[in-house]
Protein backbone atom coordinates (compact mmCIF):
# COMPACT_ATOMS: atom_id res chain seq x y z
CA MET A 1 18.74 -22.82 -54.16
CA ARG A 2 16.28 -19.93 -54.31
CA TYR A 3 13.98 -21.68 -51.86
CA SER A 4 16.76 -22.16 -49.29
CA VAL A 5 17.85 -18.47 -49.58
CA SER A 6 14.31 -17.31 -48.82
CA ARG A 7 14.13 -19.73 -45.92
CA LEU A 8 17.44 -18.46 -44.65
CA PHE A 9 16.19 -14.87 -44.96
CA VAL A 10 12.99 -15.68 -43.02
CA LEU A 11 15.02 -17.46 -40.36
CA LEU A 12 17.37 -14.47 -40.11
CA VAL A 13 14.43 -12.03 -39.80
CA LEU A 14 12.82 -14.17 -37.10
CA THR A 15 16.09 -14.39 -35.19
CA VAL A 16 16.58 -10.61 -35.33
CA MET A 17 12.95 -9.98 -34.29
CA SER A 18 13.14 -12.38 -31.36
CA GLY A 19 16.36 -10.70 -30.25
CA MET A 20 14.69 -7.31 -30.47
CA LEU A 21 11.65 -8.52 -28.53
CA SER A 22 13.76 -10.01 -25.79
CA SER A 23 15.62 -6.72 -25.30
CA CYS A 24 12.64 -4.36 -25.71
CA GLY A 25 11.72 -4.63 -22.04
CA TYR A 26 8.17 -5.90 -22.49
CA ASN A 27 8.62 -8.83 -20.13
CA ALA A 28 10.52 -6.74 -17.58
CA ILE A 29 7.75 -4.14 -17.53
CA GLN A 30 5.13 -6.86 -17.05
CA GLN A 31 7.14 -8.42 -14.23
CA ASN A 32 7.61 -5.05 -12.52
CA ASP A 33 3.90 -4.28 -12.85
CA GLU A 34 3.08 -7.58 -11.17
CA SER A 35 5.58 -6.80 -8.40
CA VAL A 36 3.75 -3.53 -7.70
CA ASN A 37 0.40 -5.35 -7.65
CA LYS A 38 1.78 -7.98 -5.25
CA ALA A 39 3.29 -5.34 -2.97
CA TRP A 40 -0.03 -3.48 -2.98
CA GLY A 41 -1.88 -6.69 -2.10
CA ASP A 42 0.53 -7.30 0.79
CA LEU A 43 -0.05 -3.76 2.07
CA GLU A 44 -3.82 -4.15 1.78
CA SER A 45 -3.58 -7.42 3.71
CA GLN A 46 -1.86 -5.69 6.62
CA LEU A 47 -4.36 -2.81 6.54
CA GLN A 48 -7.15 -5.39 6.64
CA ARG A 49 -5.50 -7.08 9.61
CA ARG A 50 -5.52 -3.75 11.46
CA SER A 51 -9.14 -3.17 10.51
CA ASP A 52 -10.07 -6.63 11.80
CA LEU A 53 -8.39 -5.98 15.17
CA ILE A 54 -10.24 -2.72 15.83
CA PRO A 55 -13.70 -4.16 16.71
CA ASN A 56 -12.14 -6.40 19.37
CA LEU A 57 -10.14 -3.48 20.73
CA VAL A 58 -13.22 -1.24 20.85
CA ALA A 59 -15.29 -3.96 22.54
CA THR A 60 -12.60 -4.42 25.20
CA VAL A 61 -12.31 -0.68 25.80
CA LYS A 62 -16.11 -0.34 26.05
CA GLY A 63 -15.87 -2.53 29.13
CA ALA A 64 -14.30 0.37 31.01
CA ALA A 65 -17.46 1.90 32.48
CA ASP A 66 -16.67 5.58 32.12
CA PHE A 67 -14.51 5.50 29.00
CA GLU A 68 -15.00 8.47 26.65
CA GLN A 69 -17.63 7.48 24.11
CA GLU A 70 -16.49 10.23 21.72
CA THR A 71 -13.10 8.57 21.25
CA LEU A 72 -14.64 5.15 20.59
CA THR A 73 -17.12 6.64 18.12
CA GLY A 74 -14.26 8.40 16.34
CA VAL A 75 -12.32 5.14 16.00
CA ILE A 76 -15.39 3.26 14.71
CA GLU A 77 -16.19 6.00 12.17
CA ALA A 78 -12.56 6.25 10.99
CA ARG A 79 -12.45 2.46 10.53
CA ALA A 80 -15.66 2.54 8.50
CA LYS A 81 -14.30 5.34 6.30
CA ALA A 82 -10.92 3.63 5.81
CA SER A 83 -12.66 0.35 4.92
CA SER A 84 -14.93 2.06 2.39
CA VAL A 85 -12.08 3.64 0.38
CA GLN A 86 -10.73 0.88 -1.84
CA LEU A 87 -8.01 1.05 -4.49
CA THR A 88 -7.68 -1.51 -7.25
CA PRO A 89 -4.30 -2.11 -8.91
CA GLU A 90 -5.59 -0.17 -11.92
CA MET A 91 -6.12 2.90 -9.69
CA LEU A 92 -2.53 2.95 -8.38
CA SER A 93 -1.61 5.45 -11.11
CA ASP A 94 -4.36 7.88 -10.04
CA PRO A 95 -2.90 10.52 -7.67
CA GLN A 96 -6.34 11.66 -6.46
CA ALA A 97 -7.50 8.13 -5.63
CA MET A 98 -4.22 7.40 -3.81
CA GLN A 99 -4.52 10.65 -1.83
CA GLN A 100 -8.08 9.78 -0.81
CA PHE A 101 -7.00 6.30 0.28
CA GLN A 102 -4.00 7.59 2.24
CA SER A 103 -6.11 10.28 3.90
CA ALA A 104 -8.64 7.72 5.15
CA GLN A 105 -5.86 5.44 6.43
CA GLY A 106 -4.12 8.41 8.10
CA GLU A 107 -7.34 9.41 9.84
CA LEU A 108 -7.72 5.88 11.21
CA SER A 109 -4.10 5.86 12.43
CA GLY A 110 -4.68 9.21 14.13
CA MET A 111 -7.82 7.99 15.89
CA LEU A 112 -6.04 4.83 17.07
CA SER A 113 -3.20 6.96 18.46
CA ARG A 114 -5.72 9.15 20.24
CA LEU A 115 -7.38 6.06 21.69
CA MET A 116 -4.06 4.80 23.06
CA VAL A 117 -3.35 8.19 24.66
CA VAL A 118 -6.77 8.27 26.32
CA VAL A 119 -6.31 4.70 27.57
CA GLU A 120 -3.39 5.92 29.68
CA ARG A 121 -5.95 7.49 32.05
CA TYR A 122 -7.56 4.11 32.78
CA PRO A 123 -5.22 1.90 34.83
CA GLU A 124 -7.80 -0.92 35.12
CA LEU A 125 -8.00 -1.05 31.32
CA LYS A 126 -4.22 -1.07 30.93
CA ALA A 127 -4.11 -3.97 33.40
CA ASN A 128 -6.64 -5.98 31.35
CA GLN A 129 -4.76 -8.88 29.70
CA ASN A 130 -7.10 -8.99 26.71
CA PHE A 131 -6.52 -5.29 26.06
CA ARG A 132 -2.74 -5.69 26.37
CA ASP A 133 -2.81 -8.60 23.91
CA LEU A 134 -4.84 -6.57 21.43
CA GLN A 135 -2.57 -3.57 21.90
CA ASN A 136 0.50 -5.74 21.19
CA GLN A 137 -1.15 -7.21 18.08
CA LEU A 138 -2.05 -3.72 16.88
CA GLU A 139 1.50 -2.46 17.44
CA GLY A 140 2.88 -5.45 15.53
CA THR A 141 0.43 -4.81 12.71
CA GLU A 142 1.44 -1.15 12.53
CA ASN A 143 5.06 -2.29 12.13
CA ARG A 144 4.03 -4.70 9.36
CA ILE A 145 2.10 -1.90 7.64
CA SER A 146 5.22 0.26 7.74
CA VAL A 147 7.33 -2.51 6.17
CA ALA A 148 4.63 -3.21 3.55
CA ARG A 149 4.53 0.51 2.63
CA GLN A 150 8.30 0.51 2.15
CA ARG A 151 8.16 -2.61 -0.02
CA TYR A 152 5.32 -1.16 -2.06
CA ASN A 153 7.25 2.07 -2.62
CA GLY A 154 10.32 0.04 -3.61
CA ALA A 155 8.28 -1.91 -6.18
CA VAL A 156 6.81 1.38 -7.49
CA GLU A 157 10.31 2.81 -7.88
CA VAL A 158 11.46 -0.19 -9.94
CA PHE A 159 8.29 -0.15 -12.06
CA ASN A 160 8.34 3.60 -12.70
CA TYR A 161 11.99 3.44 -13.73
CA SER A 162 11.38 0.44 -15.97
CA ILE A 163 8.74 2.27 -18.04
CA ARG A 164 10.96 5.34 -18.38
CA MET A 165 14.27 3.70 -19.33
CA PHE A 166 15.25 3.06 -22.94
CA PRO A 167 14.21 0.89 -24.81
CA ASN A 168 11.39 0.03 -22.38
CA SER A 169 9.96 3.53 -22.75
CA MET A 170 9.44 2.88 -26.47
CA THR A 171 7.80 -0.46 -25.79
CA ASN A 172 5.53 1.11 -23.20
CA GLY A 173 4.70 4.01 -25.50
CA MET A 174 3.87 1.78 -28.48
CA LEU A 175 2.31 -1.27 -26.83
CA LEU A 176 1.38 -0.90 -23.18
CA HIS A 177 0.63 2.76 -22.40
CA LEU A 178 1.19 2.21 -18.67
CA LYS A 179 1.35 5.25 -16.40
CA PRO A 180 3.70 5.63 -13.44
CA LYS A 181 2.31 4.29 -10.17
CA GLU A 182 1.79 6.55 -7.16
CA TYR A 183 3.97 6.22 -4.10
CA PHE A 184 2.45 5.75 -0.66
CA LYS A 185 3.34 9.09 0.90
CA ALA A 186 3.36 10.35 4.47
CA ASP A 187 0.13 11.82 5.75
CA ALA A 188 0.21 15.64 5.75
CA ALA A 189 -0.39 15.71 9.51
CA SER A 190 2.75 13.65 10.12
CA ARG A 191 4.89 16.45 8.67
CA GLU A 192 3.90 18.86 11.43
CA VAL A 193 6.31 19.11 14.34
CA PRO A 194 4.46 18.14 17.53
CA ALA A 195 4.40 20.64 20.36
CA VAL A 196 6.13 19.35 23.47
CA ASN A 197 5.29 21.02 26.76
CA PHE A 198 7.09 20.27 30.01
């Protein structure tokens, strides 16, 4: 009889502990962390696609005999800088690292925009089918980057909330010690209102 009571007690303790573990949020936090990492990987994939398109675009533009070399050099340098700043999933909680990454990507976007504005002065280049194809691919990639940023920020929102809500916050505080992830924010230059002159 005594043996079966102790077995019953152990079984009861194990049942209560498993119930507590299933509601402590550990698995949800892990799943949300993986969602952020996946969303970040998807965003990096689209940024890499843009980076891969740039050499072909620059080579096509170089074919225009009198095209401004300064603009091409700026695009090449911005691409090199953007490619050199890498963020690992572990660095997504570091505001300074995220700011540095976003700044490099913003600089590249700005140089590509400048390139497209300058191209308007070269009708023979705009008529080039290869250039138009590359321009369309780049525009499509920019749209994909925008969607990937939104999905990343959505995953960050879910993750950050999951480590702050009760009882997950206790689980995170005692076991995981995960920090909130940084959102992908707008570049500071994009907040300025452009001057429009007629």
